[in-house]
């Protein structure tokens, strides 16, 4: 059934993003995709509109969100390229405010810290490993959370552990204080992200999700 609302998607050409796009199509959502290389994107649907551009370019984000009612991002750091997390969030929030859009859903890693966390040993070790081995990327992602948490929009920052690139597998657990498992399927991530379009439970919150 075709949905009345249109979703702006960043990172839809990535490994997790493709699962998200397929889930949105299956549920009849209209989609605007921001892609750096549209010619390489293989998913075809009349529900998809493609915008060529880059998430770190404010004008491209502005073009993307026009006519949309919500934004979902699965953008990840590209090896050897400029830091993307905080710039993307800044650009998205600015464009959303200008366009009157209030719902933003973003994917992140378990290494992001929030004031509400009570991370257990495994989650804490993973966080410290990221800080030690990729300090600039970690700091940029943490900055993205800080920018987002200061926003008055209805955002959800979904934190995930190691991603297995397969369809849904097993039960999904959600926890606001600590990651409930050490892996998650990309299909489960996509299902959860799509569900947030109509669920207010995690407005302005940063849930951990994992397969158990």
N, C-alpha and C. Protein backbone atom coordinates (compact mmCIF):
# COMPACT_ATOMS: atom_id res chain seq x y z
N UNK A 1 0.84 -1.19 0.00
CA UNK A 1 0.00 0.00 0.00
C UNK A 1 0.87 1.24 0.00
N UNK A 2 0.65 2.14 -0.92
CA UNK A 2 1.47 3.34 -1.04
C UNK A 2 1.19 4.28 0.13
N UNK A 3 2.26 4.71 0.79
CA UNK A 3 2.12 5.63 1.91
C UNK A 3 2.04 7.07 1.42
N UNK A 4 1.42 7.91 2.22
CA UNK A 4 1.25 9.30 1.83
C UNK A 4 2.49 10.14 2.11
N UNK A 5 3.34 9.67 3.03
CA UNK A 5 4.50 10.48 3.38
C UNK A 5 5.73 10.04 2.60
N UNK A 6 6.65 10.97 2.45
CA UNK A 6 7.90 10.71 1.73
C UNK A 6 9.06 10.80 2.71
N UNK A 7 9.98 9.84 2.59
CA UNK A 7 11.11 9.75 3.51
C UNK A 7 12.40 10.11 2.79
N UNK A 8 13.16 11.04 3.35
CA UNK A 8 14.49 11.35 2.85
C UNK A 8 15.49 10.37 3.47
N UNK A 9 16.31 9.72 2.64
CA UNK A 9 17.24 8.71 3.13
C UNK A 9 18.67 9.08 2.75
N UNK A 10 19.54 9.10 3.77
CA UNK A 10 20.97 9.27 3.54
C UNK A 10 21.66 7.95 3.84
N UNK A 11 22.63 7.59 3.03
CA UNK A 11 23.34 6.33 3.23
C UNK A 11 22.63 5.14 2.60
N UNK A 12 21.64 5.41 1.77
CA UNK A 12 20.86 4.33 1.16
C UNK A 12 21.64 3.45 0.20
N UNK A 13 22.80 3.91 -0.24
CA UNK A 13 23.62 3.11 -1.13
C UNK A 13 24.60 2.22 -0.40
N UNK A 14 24.65 2.33 0.93
CA UNK A 14 25.57 1.53 1.73
C UNK A 14 25.02 0.14 2.03
N UNK A 15 25.81 -0.67 2.69
CA UNK A 15 25.42 -2.07 2.93
C UNK A 15 24.18 -2.17 3.82
N UNK A 16 24.12 -1.38 4.87
CA UNK A 16 22.93 -1.38 5.72
C UNK A 16 21.81 -0.58 5.08
N UNK A 17 22.17 0.50 4.41
CA UNK A 17 21.18 1.36 3.79
C UNK A 17 20.33 0.67 2.75
N UNK A 18 20.91 -0.29 2.04
CA UNK A 18 20.14 -1.01 1.02
C UNK A 18 19.02 -1.85 1.65
N UNK A 19 19.29 -2.40 2.82
CA UNK A 19 18.23 -3.12 3.54
C UNK A 19 17.10 -2.15 3.92
N UNK A 20 17.48 -0.97 4.38
CA UNK A 20 16.50 0.05 4.74
C UNK A 20 15.65 0.43 3.54
N UNK A 21 16.27 0.69 2.41
CA UNK A 21 15.53 1.08 1.21
C UNK A 21 14.53 0.00 0.82
N UNK A 22 14.97 -1.23 0.84
CA UNK A 22 14.06 -2.33 0.46
C UNK A 22 12.88 -2.46 1.43
N UNK A 23 13.13 -2.24 2.72
CA UNK A 23 12.05 -2.31 3.71
C UNK A 23 11.06 -1.18 3.50
N UNK A 24 11.56 0.01 3.20
CA UNK A 24 10.67 1.15 2.95
C UNK A 24 9.81 0.91 1.71
N UNK A 25 10.42 0.37 0.67
CA UNK A 25 9.68 0.06 -0.54
C UNK A 25 8.60 -0.98 -0.26
N UNK A 26 8.95 -2.01 0.50
CA UNK A 26 8.00 -3.08 0.81
C UNK A 26 6.79 -2.55 1.56
N UNK A 27 6.98 -1.47 2.31
CA UNK A 27 5.88 -0.89 3.08
C UNK A 27 5.20 0.26 2.34
N UNK A 28 5.62 0.50 1.11
CA UNK A 28 4.95 1.47 0.26
C UNK A 28 5.34 2.92 0.48
N UNK A 29 6.45 3.16 1.17
CA UNK A 29 6.87 4.55 1.39
C UNK A 29 7.50 5.14 0.14
N UNK A 30 7.22 6.40 -0.13
CA UNK A 30 7.94 7.14 -1.16
C UNK A 30 9.29 7.55 -0.57
N UNK A 31 10.33 7.48 -1.38
CA UNK A 31 11.69 7.69 -0.88
C UNK A 31 12.45 8.68 -1.76
N UNK A 32 13.17 9.60 -1.10
CA UNK A 32 14.15 10.42 -1.81
C UNK A 32 15.53 10.00 -1.29
N UNK A 33 16.38 9.57 -2.21
CA UNK A 33 17.70 9.06 -1.85
C UNK A 33 18.79 10.04 -2.26
N UNK A 34 19.71 10.32 -1.35
CA UNK A 34 20.90 11.09 -1.70
C UNK A 34 22.02 10.12 -1.98
N UNK A 35 22.53 10.13 -3.21
CA UNK A 35 23.58 9.19 -3.63
C UNK A 35 24.72 9.94 -4.30
N UNK A 36 25.94 9.60 -3.91
CA UNK A 36 27.09 10.19 -4.58
C UNK A 36 27.29 9.61 -5.98
N UNK A 37 26.95 8.32 -6.13
CA UNK A 37 27.14 7.65 -7.41
C UNK A 37 25.84 6.93 -7.80
N UNK A 38 24.85 7.67 -8.27
CA UNK A 38 23.56 7.06 -8.61
C UNK A 38 23.67 5.94 -9.64
N UNK A 39 24.67 6.03 -10.50
CA UNK A 39 24.82 5.03 -11.56
C UNK A 39 25.15 3.65 -11.01
N UNK A 40 25.63 3.58 -9.78
CA UNK A 40 25.99 2.30 -9.18
C UNK A 40 24.86 1.70 -8.34
N UNK A 41 23.78 2.44 -8.18
CA UNK A 41 22.67 1.98 -7.34
C UNK A 41 21.77 1.05 -8.14
N UNK A 42 21.52 -0.14 -7.62
CA UNK A 42 20.84 -1.16 -8.42
C UNK A 42 19.38 -1.41 -8.04
N UNK A 43 18.91 -0.85 -6.94
CA UNK A 43 17.51 -1.06 -6.54
C UNK A 43 16.61 -0.18 -7.41
N UNK A 44 15.63 -0.78 -8.03
CA UNK A 44 14.73 -0.06 -8.92
C UNK A 44 13.31 -0.08 -8.36
N UNK A 45 12.67 1.09 -8.33
CA UNK A 45 11.29 1.18 -7.88
C UNK A 45 10.72 2.53 -8.29
N UNK A 46 9.44 2.54 -8.61
CA UNK A 46 8.76 3.79 -8.94
C UNK A 46 8.61 4.68 -7.70
N UNK A 47 8.86 4.11 -6.51
CA UNK A 47 8.74 4.87 -5.27
C UNK A 47 10.02 5.66 -4.95
N UNK A 48 11.07 5.42 -5.72
CA UNK A 48 12.36 6.05 -5.44
C UNK A 48 12.60 7.27 -6.33
N UNK A 49 13.02 8.35 -5.69
CA UNK A 49 13.52 9.54 -6.40
C UNK A 49 14.96 9.73 -5.94
N UNK A 50 15.89 9.86 -6.88
CA UNK A 50 17.30 9.95 -6.55
C UNK A 50 17.82 11.38 -6.72
N UNK A 51 18.52 11.85 -5.70
CA UNK A 51 19.20 13.14 -5.73
C UNK A 51 20.70 12.87 -5.71
N UNK A 52 21.42 13.36 -6.71
CA UNK A 52 22.86 13.17 -6.74
C UNK A 52 23.52 14.21 -5.85
N UNK A 53 24.35 13.75 -4.92
CA UNK A 53 25.00 14.71 -4.04
C UNK A 53 25.73 14.02 -2.90
N UNK A 54 26.19 14.84 -1.95
CA UNK A 54 27.00 14.35 -0.83
C UNK A 54 26.44 14.91 0.47
N UNK A 55 26.43 14.07 1.52
CA UNK A 55 25.84 14.47 2.80
C UNK A 55 26.57 15.64 3.45
N UNK A 56 27.84 15.85 3.11
CA UNK A 56 28.57 16.95 3.73
C UNK A 56 28.35 18.27 3.00
N UNK A 57 27.54 18.25 1.96
CA UNK A 57 27.22 19.46 1.21
C UNK A 57 25.84 19.97 1.64
N UNK A 58 25.75 21.13 2.30
CA UNK A 58 24.46 21.64 2.79
C UNK A 58 23.40 21.80 1.70
N UNK A 59 23.81 22.24 0.51
CA UNK A 59 22.84 22.42 -0.56
C UNK A 59 22.24 21.10 -1.01
N UNK A 60 23.04 20.05 -1.03
CA UNK A 60 22.53 18.73 -1.42
C UNK A 60 21.52 18.22 -0.39
N UNK A 61 21.80 18.43 0.88
CA UNK A 61 20.86 18.02 1.93
C UNK A 61 19.57 18.81 1.84
N UNK A 62 19.69 20.09 1.57
CA UNK A 62 18.50 20.93 1.42
C UNK A 62 17.62 20.44 0.28
N UNK A 63 18.24 20.08 -0.84
CA UNK A 63 17.48 19.54 -1.97
C UNK A 63 16.83 18.20 -1.62
N UNK A 64 17.55 17.40 -0.84
CA UNK A 64 17.05 16.08 -0.48
C UNK A 64 15.77 16.16 0.35
N UNK A 65 15.75 17.00 1.37
CA UNK A 65 14.64 16.97 2.32
C UNK A 65 13.38 17.69 1.83
N UNK A 66 13.50 18.47 0.77
CA UNK A 66 12.33 19.19 0.26
C UNK A 66 11.22 18.21 -0.11
N UNK A 67 10.02 18.46 0.41
CA UNK A 67 8.87 17.61 0.10
C UNK A 67 8.78 16.36 0.95
N UNK A 68 9.72 16.17 1.90
CA UNK A 68 9.71 14.99 2.76
C UNK A 68 9.13 15.33 4.14
N UNK A 69 8.71 14.29 4.84
CA UNK A 69 8.14 14.48 6.17
C UNK A 69 9.01 13.86 7.28
N UNK A 70 10.04 13.13 6.91
CA UNK A 70 10.96 12.54 7.89
C UNK A 70 12.28 12.24 7.19
N UNK A 71 13.34 12.12 7.99
CA UNK A 71 14.68 11.84 7.46
C UNK A 71 15.27 10.66 8.23
N UNK A 72 15.84 9.70 7.49
CA UNK A 72 16.56 8.58 8.11
C UNK A 72 17.97 8.54 7.54
N UNK A 73 18.95 8.41 8.43
CA UNK A 73 20.36 8.35 7.99
C UNK A 73 21.05 7.09 8.47
N UNK A 74 21.70 6.40 7.54
CA UNK A 74 22.59 5.28 7.87
C UNK A 74 24.00 5.59 7.38
N UNK A 75 24.31 6.86 7.26
CA UNK A 75 25.61 7.28 6.74
C UNK A 75 26.73 6.80 7.67
N UNK A 76 27.76 6.23 7.08
CA UNK A 76 28.92 5.79 7.83
C UNK A 76 30.17 6.52 7.37
N UNK A 77 31.24 6.40 8.14
CA UNK A 77 32.49 7.05 7.78
C UNK A 77 33.14 6.33 6.60
N UNK A 78 33.49 7.10 5.58
CA UNK A 78 34.15 6.53 4.41
C UNK A 78 35.66 6.56 4.61
N UNK A 79 36.35 5.42 4.44
CA UNK A 79 37.79 5.34 4.67
C UNK A 79 38.56 6.37 3.85
N UNK A 80 39.45 7.09 4.52
CA UNK A 80 40.31 8.03 3.83
C UNK A 80 39.65 9.31 3.39
N UNK A 81 38.42 9.55 3.83
CA UNK A 81 37.68 10.75 3.41
C UNK A 81 37.40 11.64 4.61
N UNK A 82 36.98 12.89 4.36
CA UNK A 82 36.71 13.82 5.47
C UNK A 82 35.68 13.26 6.45
N UNK A 83 35.82 13.64 7.71
CA UNK A 83 34.88 13.20 8.73
C UNK A 83 33.46 13.63 8.35
N UNK A 84 32.52 12.72 8.52
CA UNK A 84 31.19 12.96 7.96
C UNK A 84 30.09 13.08 9.00
N UNK A 85 30.24 12.50 10.17
CA UNK A 85 29.12 12.39 11.11
C UNK A 85 28.57 13.74 11.56
N UNK A 86 29.41 14.58 12.13
CA UNK A 86 28.91 15.84 12.69
C UNK A 86 28.48 16.81 11.59
N UNK A 87 29.17 16.79 10.46
CA UNK A 87 28.78 17.67 9.36
C UNK A 87 27.43 17.26 8.79
N UNK A 88 27.21 15.96 8.69
CA UNK A 88 25.93 15.48 8.18
C UNK A 88 24.79 15.88 9.11
N UNK A 89 24.96 15.65 10.41
CA UNK A 89 23.91 16.01 11.37
C UNK A 89 23.64 17.51 11.34
N UNK A 90 24.69 18.31 11.28
CA UNK A 90 24.51 19.77 11.21
C UNK A 90 23.72 20.17 9.98
N UNK A 91 24.10 19.61 8.84
CA UNK A 91 23.40 19.94 7.59
C UNK A 91 21.94 19.49 7.61
N UNK A 92 21.71 18.28 8.14
CA UNK A 92 20.35 17.74 8.18
C UNK A 92 19.45 18.57 9.08
N UNK A 93 19.93 18.90 10.28
CA UNK A 93 19.11 19.66 11.21
C UNK A 93 18.79 21.05 10.66
N UNK A 94 19.76 21.68 10.04
CA UNK A 94 19.52 23.00 9.45
C UNK A 94 18.47 22.92 8.34
N UNK A 95 18.60 21.91 7.47
CA UNK A 95 17.64 21.76 6.37
C UNK A 95 16.26 21.39 6.89
N UNK A 96 16.19 20.54 7.90
CA UNK A 96 14.91 20.16 8.48
C UNK A 96 14.20 21.35 9.10
N UNK A 97 14.94 22.17 9.83
CA UNK A 97 14.34 23.36 10.45
C UNK A 97 13.79 24.31 9.41
N UNK A 98 14.52 24.48 8.31
CA UNK A 98 14.07 25.37 7.25
C UNK A 98 12.84 24.83 6.53
N UNK A 99 12.75 23.49 6.45
CA UNK A 99 11.65 22.87 5.71
C UNK A 99 10.48 22.46 6.59
N UNK A 100 10.61 22.68 7.89
CA UNK A 100 9.52 22.34 8.80
C UNK A 100 9.35 20.85 9.04
N UNK A 101 10.45 20.09 8.93
CA UNK A 101 10.42 18.65 9.18
C UNK A 101 10.85 18.41 10.62
N UNK A 102 10.18 17.49 11.32
CA UNK A 102 10.43 17.33 12.75
C UNK A 102 10.97 15.96 13.15
N UNK A 103 11.02 15.00 12.23
CA UNK A 103 11.40 13.62 12.61
C UNK A 103 12.70 13.21 11.94
N UNK A 104 13.72 12.91 12.78
CA UNK A 104 15.02 12.47 12.28
C UNK A 104 15.44 11.20 13.01
N UNK A 105 15.79 10.17 12.25
CA UNK A 105 16.21 8.88 12.79
C UNK A 105 17.59 8.57 12.23
N UNK A 106 18.54 8.29 13.11
CA UNK A 106 19.92 8.09 12.65
C UNK A 106 20.52 6.84 13.27
N UNK A 107 21.37 6.18 12.52
CA UNK A 107 22.08 4.99 12.97
C UNK A 107 23.45 5.37 13.50
N UNK A 108 23.87 4.70 14.58
CA UNK A 108 25.19 4.97 15.17
C UNK A 108 25.74 3.69 15.78
N UNK A 109 26.96 3.75 16.28
CA UNK A 109 27.58 2.60 16.91
C UNK A 109 27.39 2.61 18.41
N UNK A 110 27.70 1.49 19.06
CA UNK A 110 27.54 1.40 20.50
C UNK A 110 28.58 2.22 21.24
N UNK A 111 29.58 2.71 20.53
CA UNK A 111 30.65 3.48 21.16
C UNK A 111 30.25 4.90 21.54
N UNK A 112 29.09 5.36 21.08
CA UNK A 112 28.63 6.68 21.46
C UNK A 112 28.16 6.65 22.91
N UNK A 113 28.58 7.66 23.69
CA UNK A 113 28.18 7.77 25.09
C UNK A 113 27.06 8.79 25.24
N UNK A 114 26.12 8.50 26.15
CA UNK A 114 25.09 9.46 26.53
C UNK A 114 25.06 9.57 28.04
N UNK A 115 24.47 10.63 28.59
CA UNK A 115 24.41 10.79 30.05
C UNK A 115 23.55 9.73 30.74
N UNK A 116 22.80 8.96 29.96
CA UNK A 116 21.86 8.00 30.53
C UNK A 116 22.40 6.56 30.52
N UNK A 117 23.61 6.38 30.03
CA UNK A 117 24.17 5.04 29.89
C UNK A 117 24.59 4.42 31.22
N UNK A 118 24.46 3.10 31.25
CA UNK A 118 25.05 2.28 32.31
C UNK A 118 25.69 1.08 31.61
N UNK A 119 26.71 1.37 30.82
CA UNK A 119 27.31 0.37 29.97
C UNK A 119 27.99 -0.73 30.78
N UNK A 120 27.73 -1.97 30.36
CA UNK A 120 28.39 -3.12 30.99
C UNK A 120 29.80 -3.29 30.44
N UNK A 121 30.45 -4.37 30.88
CA UNK A 121 31.85 -4.60 30.54
C UNK A 121 32.08 -4.67 29.04
N UNK A 122 31.29 -5.47 28.30
CA UNK A 122 31.53 -5.64 26.87
C UNK A 122 31.31 -4.35 26.10
N UNK A 123 30.25 -3.63 26.41
CA UNK A 123 29.97 -2.37 25.72
C UNK A 123 31.03 -1.34 26.04
N UNK A 124 31.46 -1.30 27.29
CA UNK A 124 32.50 -0.35 27.69
C UNK A 124 33.83 -0.65 27.00
N UNK A 125 34.18 -1.94 26.89
CA UNK A 125 35.42 -2.32 26.20
C UNK A 125 35.38 -1.92 24.73
N UNK A 126 34.23 -2.14 24.09
CA UNK A 126 34.08 -1.76 22.68
C UNK A 126 34.20 -0.25 22.51
N UNK A 127 33.65 0.49 23.45
CA UNK A 127 33.72 1.94 23.40
C UNK A 127 35.17 2.41 23.56
N UNK A 128 35.87 1.88 24.53
CA UNK A 128 37.25 2.28 24.77
C UNK A 128 38.16 1.87 23.62
N UNK A 129 37.88 0.72 23.00
CA UNK A 129 38.67 0.28 21.84
C UNK A 129 38.54 1.28 20.70
N UNK A 130 37.32 1.74 20.47
CA UNK A 130 37.10 2.71 19.40
C UNK A 130 37.81 4.03 19.70
N UNK A 131 37.75 4.46 20.94
CA UNK A 131 38.41 5.71 21.33
C UNK A 131 39.92 5.61 21.15
N UNK A 132 40.48 4.43 21.45
CA UNK A 132 41.93 4.25 21.38
C UNK A 132 42.43 4.10 19.95
N UNK A 133 41.65 3.42 19.10
CA UNK A 133 42.11 3.10 17.75
C UNK A 133 41.65 4.08 16.67
N UNK A 134 40.51 4.71 16.89
CA UNK A 134 39.99 5.67 15.91
C UNK A 134 39.50 6.92 16.63
N UNK A 135 40.42 7.62 17.29
CA UNK A 135 40.02 8.76 18.13
C UNK A 135 39.31 9.88 17.39
N UNK A 136 39.76 10.19 16.17
CA UNK A 136 39.14 11.29 15.43
C UNK A 136 37.71 10.93 15.00
N UNK A 137 37.54 9.70 14.52
CA UNK A 137 36.21 9.25 14.10
C UNK A 137 35.29 9.18 15.31
N UNK A 138 35.80 8.65 16.42
CA UNK A 138 35.01 8.56 17.65
C UNK A 138 34.57 9.95 18.11
N UNK A 139 35.50 10.89 18.12
CA UNK A 139 35.18 12.24 18.58
C UNK A 139 34.15 12.91 17.67
N UNK A 140 34.27 12.66 16.38
CA UNK A 140 33.32 13.26 15.43
C UNK A 140 31.92 12.68 15.62
N UNK A 141 31.84 11.39 15.85
CA UNK A 141 30.54 10.76 16.07
C UNK A 141 29.93 11.21 17.40
N UNK A 142 30.78 11.38 18.41
CA UNK A 142 30.29 11.87 19.69
C UNK A 142 29.80 13.31 19.55
N UNK A 143 30.49 14.09 18.75
CA UNK A 143 30.07 15.46 18.47
C UNK A 143 28.71 15.48 17.78
N UNK A 144 28.49 14.53 16.87
CA UNK A 144 27.21 14.45 16.18
C UNK A 144 26.07 14.22 17.18
N UNK A 145 26.32 13.35 18.16
CA UNK A 145 25.30 13.12 19.19
C UNK A 145 25.05 14.40 19.99
N UNK A 146 26.09 15.12 20.34
CA UNK A 146 25.94 16.34 21.12
C UNK A 146 25.12 17.38 20.37
N UNK A 147 25.38 17.50 19.08
CA UNK A 147 24.61 18.44 18.25
C UNK A 147 23.14 18.02 18.21
N UNK A 148 22.93 16.73 18.03
CA UNK A 148 21.57 16.21 17.93
C UNK A 148 20.82 16.37 19.25
N UNK A 149 21.48 16.07 20.37
CA UNK A 149 20.82 16.13 21.67
C UNK A 149 20.43 17.55 22.06
N UNK A 150 21.11 18.53 21.48
CA UNK A 150 20.77 19.93 21.75
C UNK A 150 19.61 20.42 20.89
N UNK A 151 19.23 19.62 19.92
CA UNK A 151 18.14 20.00 19.01
C UNK A 151 16.79 19.79 19.67
N UNK A 152 15.81 20.57 19.26
CA UNK A 152 14.45 20.43 19.76
C UNK A 152 13.59 19.52 18.88
N UNK A 153 14.19 18.98 17.83
CA UNK A 153 13.45 18.09 16.93
C UNK A 153 13.22 16.73 17.59
N UNK A 154 12.31 15.96 17.02
CA UNK A 154 12.04 14.60 17.50
C UNK A 154 13.01 13.64 16.83
N UNK A 155 14.17 13.48 17.43
CA UNK A 155 15.21 12.63 16.87
C UNK A 155 15.28 11.30 17.64
N UNK A 156 15.83 10.28 16.98
CA UNK A 156 16.15 9.01 17.62
C UNK A 156 17.51 8.57 17.09
N UNK A 157 18.44 8.29 18.01
CA UNK A 157 19.80 7.91 17.66
C UNK A 157 19.95 6.43 18.00
N UNK A 158 19.89 5.56 17.01
CA UNK A 158 19.84 4.12 17.22
C UNK A 158 21.26 3.55 17.23
N UNK A 159 21.66 2.94 18.37
CA UNK A 159 23.03 2.43 18.51
C UNK A 159 23.05 0.92 18.34
N UNK A 160 24.00 0.46 17.52
CA UNK A 160 24.04 -0.97 17.19
C UNK A 160 25.45 -1.54 17.37
N UNK A 161 25.54 -2.86 17.67
CA UNK A 161 26.83 -3.54 17.75
C UNK A 161 27.28 -4.02 16.36
N UNK A 162 28.08 -5.07 16.32
CA UNK A 162 28.57 -5.64 15.06
C UNK A 162 27.40 -6.02 14.15
N UNK A 163 27.46 -5.58 12.89
CA UNK A 163 26.36 -5.82 11.95
C UNK A 163 26.66 -7.02 11.07
N UNK A 164 25.73 -7.95 11.04
CA UNK A 164 25.77 -9.06 10.09
C UNK A 164 24.85 -8.70 8.92
N UNK A 165 25.38 -8.79 7.72
CA UNK A 165 24.61 -8.34 6.56
C UNK A 165 23.74 -9.48 6.04
N UNK A 166 22.64 -9.66 6.77
CA UNK A 166 21.66 -10.69 6.43
C UNK A 166 20.29 -10.20 6.87
N UNK A 167 19.26 -10.93 6.47
CA UNK A 167 17.90 -10.56 6.85
C UNK A 167 17.69 -10.79 8.34
N UNK A 168 16.51 -10.46 8.81
CA UNK A 168 16.18 -10.55 10.22
C UNK A 168 16.44 -11.95 10.77
N UNK A 169 17.01 -11.99 11.97
CA UNK A 169 17.35 -13.28 12.57
C UNK A 169 17.22 -13.18 14.08
N UNK A 170 16.35 -13.97 14.66
CA UNK A 170 16.22 -13.99 16.10
C UNK A 170 15.44 -12.82 16.65
N UNK A 171 15.33 -12.81 17.96
CA UNK A 171 14.56 -11.78 18.65
C UNK A 171 15.37 -10.50 18.76
N UNK A 172 14.68 -9.36 18.64
CA UNK A 172 15.34 -8.07 18.77
C UNK A 172 15.14 -7.54 20.19
N UNK A 173 16.23 -7.15 20.84
CA UNK A 173 16.15 -6.57 22.17
C UNK A 173 16.53 -5.09 22.10
N UNK A 174 15.87 -4.29 22.91
CA UNK A 174 16.11 -2.85 22.96
C UNK A 174 16.39 -2.45 24.40
N UNK A 175 17.42 -1.59 24.59
CA UNK A 175 17.77 -1.15 25.93
C UNK A 175 18.33 0.27 25.85
N UNK A 176 17.95 1.12 26.76
CA UNK A 176 18.40 2.51 26.74
C UNK A 176 19.70 2.73 27.50
N UNK A 177 20.17 1.72 28.27
CA UNK A 177 21.34 1.92 29.11
C UNK A 177 22.57 1.14 28.68
N UNK A 178 22.37 -0.04 28.08
CA UNK A 178 23.49 -0.90 27.70
C UNK A 178 23.08 -1.75 26.51
N UNK A 179 24.06 -2.12 25.69
CA UNK A 179 23.74 -2.93 24.52
C UNK A 179 23.39 -4.36 24.97
N UNK A 180 22.23 -4.88 24.56
CA UNK A 180 21.77 -6.19 25.03
C UNK A 180 22.36 -7.39 24.30
N UNK A 181 23.24 -7.16 23.33
CA UNK A 181 23.85 -8.27 22.59
C UNK A 181 25.06 -7.78 21.84
N UNK A 182 25.81 -8.72 21.22
CA UNK A 182 27.05 -8.32 20.54
C UNK A 182 26.96 -8.32 19.01
N UNK A 183 25.76 -8.54 18.48
CA UNK A 183 25.60 -8.47 17.02
C UNK A 183 24.14 -8.20 16.67
N UNK A 184 23.94 -7.80 15.42
CA UNK A 184 22.59 -7.55 14.93
C UNK A 184 22.57 -7.70 13.41
N UNK A 185 21.48 -8.22 12.88
CA UNK A 185 21.34 -8.37 11.43
C UNK A 185 20.88 -7.05 10.81
N UNK A 186 21.37 -6.77 9.63
CA UNK A 186 20.99 -5.54 8.95
C UNK A 186 19.49 -5.46 8.70
N UNK A 187 18.87 -6.61 8.47
CA UNK A 187 17.42 -6.62 8.27
C UNK A 187 16.67 -6.18 9.51
N UNK A 188 17.17 -6.57 10.70
CA UNK A 188 16.56 -6.13 11.95
C UNK A 188 16.74 -4.64 12.17
N UNK A 189 17.91 -4.15 11.81
CA UNK A 189 18.16 -2.71 11.92
C UNK A 189 17.15 -1.95 11.06
N UNK A 190 17.00 -2.38 9.83
CA UNK A 190 16.09 -1.71 8.91
C UNK A 190 14.66 -1.73 9.42
N UNK A 191 14.23 -2.87 9.94
CA UNK A 191 12.87 -2.98 10.49
C UNK A 191 12.68 -1.98 11.63
N UNK A 192 13.67 -1.89 12.51
CA UNK A 192 13.55 -1.00 13.65
C UNK A 192 13.52 0.47 13.21
N UNK A 193 14.37 0.82 12.27
CA UNK A 193 14.40 2.21 11.78
C UNK A 193 13.06 2.59 11.16
N UNK A 194 12.51 1.70 10.36
CA UNK A 194 11.22 1.99 9.72
C UNK A 194 10.12 2.12 10.77
N UNK A 195 10.16 1.27 11.78
CA UNK A 195 9.14 1.31 12.84
C UNK A 195 9.14 2.64 13.58
N UNK A 196 10.29 3.30 13.64
CA UNK A 196 10.36 4.57 14.36
C UNK A 196 9.61 5.70 13.66
N UNK A 197 9.24 5.49 12.42
CA UNK A 197 8.47 6.51 11.70
C UNK A 197 7.09 6.70 12.29
N UNK A 198 6.57 5.67 12.95
CA UNK A 198 5.22 5.74 13.51
C UNK A 198 5.20 5.44 15.01
N UNK A 199 6.36 5.44 15.65
CA UNK A 199 6.45 5.10 17.07
C UNK A 199 7.14 6.24 17.81
N UNK A 200 6.51 6.76 18.84
CA UNK A 200 7.06 7.88 19.60
C UNK A 200 7.85 7.44 20.83
N UNK A 201 7.98 6.15 21.05
CA UNK A 201 8.62 5.62 22.26
C UNK A 201 10.03 6.17 22.46
N UNK A 202 10.77 6.29 21.38
CA UNK A 202 12.18 6.68 21.51
C UNK A 202 12.45 8.07 20.98
N UNK A 203 11.46 8.96 21.04
CA UNK A 203 11.69 10.36 20.71
C UNK A 203 12.76 10.93 21.64
N UNK A 204 13.79 11.56 21.05
CA UNK A 204 14.86 12.22 21.78
C UNK A 204 15.61 11.25 22.71
N UNK A 205 15.75 10.00 22.24
CA UNK A 205 16.45 8.97 23.00
C UNK A 205 17.43 8.23 22.09
N UNK A 206 18.34 7.45 22.71
CA UNK A 206 19.38 6.74 21.97
C UNK A 206 19.39 5.28 22.35
N UNK A 207 18.42 4.51 21.86
CA UNK A 207 18.33 3.10 22.23
C UNK A 207 19.45 2.25 21.61
N UNK A 208 19.91 1.27 22.40
CA UNK A 208 20.74 0.20 21.86
C UNK A 208 19.79 -0.88 21.34
N UNK A 209 20.12 -1.50 20.20
CA UNK A 209 19.35 -2.64 19.73
C UNK A 209 20.31 -3.76 19.35
N UNK A 210 19.88 -5.02 19.55
CA UNK A 210 20.74 -6.16 19.22
C UNK A 210 19.88 -7.40 19.13
N UNK A 211 20.41 -8.41 18.46
CA UNK A 211 19.76 -9.72 18.42
C UNK A 211 20.13 -10.51 19.67
N UNK A 212 19.16 -11.22 20.23
CA UNK A 212 19.44 -12.04 21.40
C UNK A 212 18.91 -13.44 21.19
